[in-house]
């Protein structure tokens, strides 16, 4: 659904600062599904966080509004101070969703919509859970409340296992769409799919039209839009990514776990889990792993690494949690470590300041 004229969209985007810009998400369909789910199921006192999916280096990169992210986490903080019981069943309810998802067979439009509903409810839980973890990590005084401290422990378990459940459900949705001749559905949004689902020809034509074309996805004010105007696309991309350009050999992030002040070693670049198959745990022993972010798929490989550095994440990200569990030095949220560090580079991690220097 087109919700604004292109020039109005552009004006609103250029008036905001954006963060992210490091993690690729090639599937526009699922990104829209997630955004709509958050808007639909997150409590009304929260702001609806604007999101972008932008073309960069032949990938689609996700970005979020800094201003609205701060508002979102501030709301979580206020809720935890006033009445932490509102979070009491958050993680248990999400695990319950996945029990239902595991039993669900997506074979027709009815079960497809049920799978979509489960996924969208999870997306709302995910945003609330991530915000809960970040706020508790930044405000340790909140953990003085027994309920909050118990939930904080649940958060780590949930964060480390939820990825596998999510993958299983998305695979069911994807298989259903492919079975219905939508092999390249990832170039359309879920909003567009709903609009054209009764007109298969129109839907197929739209998919073909999008093939290998530049586009920008915008989620703003509970509505989504796909922009294909190249002038507008270039203006948005330049505004967002020019904020993030850095040619320095020094990177800065957040210390998630510290064993000593400095750690030096050779880097191994493993941006995403797809590249994990090239290595064994033995290959990575004594190395510093550099990734966009880690997921539970990384865990068997990194027990004996010297350090972990990620582009994304905060102190409650998977990398931060697993580094504390395994006592591995870790710096998260460097934004562009995977762009500046190459496999074989000798690097130094300063575990007091969060600086990473390419030697």
Foldseek 3Di string as FASTA:
>chain_A
DDDDPLVVVLVVLLVFAKDWQQDFDLFQAVVLLLLLLQVVAADPVADRWKKKFADDPNTTTIMTTPVSVVRRLVVLVVCLVPPVVVCQCLLVVLVVLLVVLVPQQPDDPVSLVVLSNSLSPNSNSVSSLQSLQVNCVVPVVSCVDVSSVVVNVSSLVSQQPVVVSNVVSVVNNQVNCVVVVPPQNSQDYNVVCVVCVVPVVVSVVVSVVSPPAGWMWIQDPSDIDIGRPPVSSVSSCCSHCVVPDDPDQKFAFAWLADDDFKDKAFEAEDADLVSVVVDALVRQAAHEYEYQADHSSCLNNPLRHQEYEHQADDNSHNRSSSCVVSVHTYGYNRNQCNPNHHGGFMWMAGNVGRMIGGD
